[in-house]
Amino acid sequence: MSTEKTIHQYQEVISACKSLFMKKNADYGTSWRIMRPSSITDQIFIKAQRIRSIEEKGTQKVQDPIADEFVGIINYCIIGLILLHNPNIEANEIDLDILESKYQQEVNSTMELMLNKNHDYGEAWRSMRISTFTDLILTKILRTKEIESNKGKTLISEGIDANYRDMMNYAIFASIRLNENK
């Protein structure tokens, strides 16, 4: 696969996520801004746990597609990054143009990380199972919860933002793979 194809697929996933995110913010405002990053991590956990539960059971009773859960993970990761990088954001409603800019900044940084890792790993993710992305997201959630319990302090590990970026990229990879399997 070419880097150009990956970038195109990545941007297609992000475009759908961003469209949903902006529509929800137009409907609800930025009510999520009062959430603490630990609550965002728990929201990501709920979505990843639902995916894993459905993967293990092979059936589901609520018919919301797994693909929608990966979109939710992506958008919650971006919310988490926005909150982490703008600690005083909870005080005010965010103008949609400013919010869109912040959203795109986080996407750009996360995509750059993906491209750098993709260069080194040679798009190994294309040969991975979607269930592995679920497990990796759940692992990153547990790591993030531990860092949050330690008030953000680590000895040698990456911080919360790096874990959000990795979770986001895993969810995007899963979304690309699901789109390819349609």
Protein backbone atom coordinates (compact mmCIF):
# COMPACT_ATOMS: atom_id res chain seq x y z
CA MET A 1 0.00 0.00 0.00
CA SER A 2 1.11 3.51 -0.64
CA THR A 3 1.39 6.32 1.85
CA GLU A 4 -0.95 8.36 -0.33
CA LYS A 5 -3.68 5.73 -0.05
CA THR A 6 -3.26 5.60 3.72
CA ILE A 7 -3.46 9.38 3.97
CA HIS A 8 -6.59 9.40 1.81
CA GLN A 9 -8.28 6.67 3.87
CA TYR A 10 -7.23 8.35 7.12
CA GLN A 11 -8.69 11.67 5.95
CA GLU A 12 -11.94 9.98 4.88
CA VAL A 13 -12.40 8.54 8.38
CA ILE A 14 -11.53 11.87 9.99
CA SER A 15 -13.91 13.72 7.69
CA ALA A 16 -16.82 11.55 8.81
CA CYS A 17 -15.79 11.87 12.49
CA LYS A 18 -15.38 15.63 12.25
CA SER A 19 -18.73 16.08 10.52
CA LEU A 20 -20.51 14.18 13.30
CA PHE A 21 -18.52 16.01 15.99
CA MET A 22 -19.34 19.45 14.61
CA LYS A 23 -23.04 18.62 14.17
CA LYS A 24 -23.30 17.35 17.74
CA ASN A 25 -21.55 20.48 19.01
CA ALA A 26 -23.96 22.64 17.01
CA ASP A 27 -26.87 20.76 18.64
CA TYR A 28 -25.55 20.48 22.22
CA GLY A 29 -22.91 23.15 22.49
CA THR A 30 -19.61 22.16 24.01
CA SER A 31 -21.16 20.71 27.15
CA TRP A 32 -18.36 18.11 27.21
CA ARG A 33 -15.91 20.83 28.24
CA ILE A 34 -16.86 20.37 31.91
CA MET A 35 -15.67 16.76 31.84
CA ARG A 36 -12.36 15.89 33.39
CA PRO A 37 -9.88 13.95 31.26
CA SER A 38 -10.46 10.89 33.48
CA SER A 39 -14.15 10.96 32.51
CA ILE A 40 -13.17 11.10 28.84
CA THR A 41 -10.95 8.06 29.40
CA ASP A 42 -13.92 6.24 30.93
CA GLN A 43 -16.10 7.13 27.93
CA ILE A 44 -13.46 5.65 25.63
CA PHE A 45 -13.37 2.56 27.87
CA ILE A 46 -17.15 2.09 27.62
CA LYS A 47 -16.99 2.16 23.83
CA ALA A 48 -13.97 -0.16 23.58
CA GLN A 49 -15.47 -2.56 26.12
CA ARG A 50 -18.71 -2.74 24.09
CA ILE A 51 -16.72 -3.55 20.95
CA ARG A 52 -14.80 -6.30 22.76
CA SER A 53 -17.97 -7.73 24.29
CA ILE A 54 -19.62 -7.95 20.86
CA GLU A 55 -16.45 -9.43 19.32
CA GLU A 56 -16.35 -12.13 22.02
CA LYS A 57 -20.08 -12.93 22.04
CA GLY A 58 -20.50 -12.75 18.28
CA THR A 59 -23.89 -11.11 18.74
CA GLN A 60 -25.32 -7.84 19.92
CA LYS A 61 -28.71 -6.73 21.25
CA VAL A 62 -28.31 -2.99 20.61
CA GLN A 63 -27.95 -2.60 16.87
CA ASP A 64 -25.58 0.40 16.86
CA PRO A 65 -22.73 -0.74 14.59
CA ILE A 66 -19.24 -1.36 15.95
CA ALA A 67 -17.98 1.14 13.38
CA ASP A 68 -19.90 3.88 15.23
CA GLU A 69 -18.11 2.97 18.45
CA PHE A 70 -14.74 3.47 16.78
CA VAL A 71 -15.94 6.90 15.59
CA GLY A 72 -16.89 7.67 19.19
CA ILE A 73 -13.44 6.62 20.39
CA ILE A 74 -11.80 8.89 17.83
CA ASN A 75 -13.92 11.88 18.82
CA TYR A 76 -13.50 11.27 22.56
CA CYS A 77 -9.72 11.06 22.05
CA ILE A 78 -9.83 14.44 20.32
CA ILE A 79 -11.98 15.87 23.13
CA GLY A 80 -9.45 14.51 25.63
CA LEU A 81 -6.57 16.11 23.74
CA ILE A 82 -8.39 19.44 23.48
CA LEU A 83 -9.07 19.38 27.22
CA LEU A 84 -5.48 18.42 28.06
CA HIS A 85 -4.01 21.16 25.88
CA ASN A 86 -6.52 23.83 26.95
CA PRO A 87 -6.93 23.40 30.72
CA ASN A 88 -9.02 26.58 31.15
CA ILE A 89 -11.52 25.63 28.47
CA GLU A 90 -14.27 24.56 30.89
CA ALA A 91 -15.16 28.13 31.79
CA ASN A 92 -16.62 29.17 28.45
CA GLU A 93 -18.66 27.86 25.56
CA ILE A 94 -16.33 27.40 22.60
CA ASP A 95 -17.10 29.12 19.32
CA LEU A 96 -17.56 26.48 16.60
CA ASP A 97 -14.87 28.01 14.36
CA ILE A 98 -12.35 27.92 17.21
CA LEU A 99 -13.45 24.39 18.10
CA GLU A 100 -13.02 23.25 14.51
CA SER A 101 -9.51 24.72 14.51
CA LYS A 102 -8.60 22.94 17.76
CA TYR A 103 -10.06 19.70 16.41
CA GLN A 104 -7.96 19.98 13.27
CA GLN A 105 -4.80 20.79 15.24
CA GLU A 106 -5.18 17.56 17.20
CA VAL A 107 -5.93 15.59 14.03
CA ASN A 108 -2.84 17.02 12.31
CA SER A 109 -0.55 16.15 15.23
CA THR A 110 -2.01 12.65 15.48
CA MET A 111 -1.76 12.06 11.74
CA GLU A 112 1.87 13.19 11.77
CA LEU A 113 2.56 10.64 14.53
CA MET A 114 0.84 7.95 12.46
CA LEU A 115 2.88 8.79 9.37
CA ASN A 116 6.14 8.65 11.34
CA LYS A 117 5.24 5.30 12.91
CA ASN A 118 3.90 3.99 9.61
CA HIS A 119 7.25 4.80 8.02
CA ASP A 120 9.10 2.78 10.63
CA TYR A 121 6.62 -0.13 10.91
CA GLY A 122 5.81 -0.40 7.20
CA GLU A 123 2.02 -0.34 7.59
CA ALA A 124 2.02 -3.50 9.69
CA TRP A 125 -1.43 -2.46 10.94
CA ARG A 126 -2.93 -3.52 7.61
CA SER A 127 -2.21 -7.16 8.54
CA MET A 128 -3.62 -6.89 12.04
CA ARG A 129 -7.02 -8.11 13.19
CA ILE A 130 -9.64 -5.55 14.17
CA SER A 131 -9.91 -7.34 17.52
CA THR A 132 -6.24 -6.55 18.12
CA PHE A 133 -6.97 -2.83 17.72
CA THR A 134 -9.70 -3.24 20.33
CA ASP A 135 -7.26 -4.93 22.71
CA LEU A 136 -4.60 -2.28 22.10
CA ILE A 137 -7.12 0.48 22.82
CA LEU A 138 -8.16 -1.24 26.05
CA THR A 139 -4.48 -1.62 27.04
CA LYS A 140 -3.87 2.08 26.39
CA ILE A 141 -6.95 2.91 28.47
CA LEU A 142 -5.58 0.95 31.42
CA ARG A 143 -2.23 2.72 31.05
CA THR A 144 -3.97 6.09 30.85
CA LYS A 145 -6.03 5.35 33.96
CA GLU A 146 -2.84 4.49 35.84
CA ILE A 147 -1.18 7.74 34.73
CA GLU A 148 -4.32 9.66 35.73
CA SER A 149 -4.22 7.98 39.15
CA ASN A 150 -0.61 9.17 39.45
CA LYS A 151 -1.75 12.74 38.64
CA GLY A 152 -0.09 12.63 35.22
CA LYS A 153 3.37 11.75 36.51
CA THR A 154 5.40 9.04 34.80
CA LEU A 155 8.96 7.85 35.29
CA ILE A 156 9.83 6.92 31.71
CA SER A 157 6.53 6.41 29.91
CA GLU A 158 4.72 8.68 27.51
CA GLY A 159 1.96 10.81 28.96
CA ILE A 160 -1.79 10.82 28.63
CA ASP A 161 -1.76 12.73 25.36
CA ALA A 162 0.44 10.11 23.67
CA ASN A 163 -1.94 7.39 24.80
CA TYR A 164 -4.95 9.30 23.43
CA ARG A 165 -3.12 9.71 20.11
CA ASP A 166 -2.31 6.00 19.94
CA MET A 167 -5.92 5.04 20.79
CA MET A 168 -7.15 7.43 18.13
CA ASN A 169 -4.83 5.97 15.50
CA TYR A 170 -5.85 2.40 16.41
CA ALA A 171 -9.52 3.37 16.08
CA ILE A 172 -8.82 5.01 12.71
CA PHE A 173 -6.99 1.89 11.52
CA ALA A 174 -9.93 -0.25 12.63
CA SER A 175 -12.31 2.09 10.80
CA ILE A 176 -10.24 1.89 7.62
CA ARG A 177 -10.20 -1.90 7.83
CA LEU A 178 -13.96 -2.05 8.47
CA ASN A 179 -14.56 0.22 5.46
CA GLU A 180 -12.38 -2.03 3.31
CA ASN A 181 -14.33 -5.10 4.45
CA LYS A 182 -17.73 -3.67 3.40
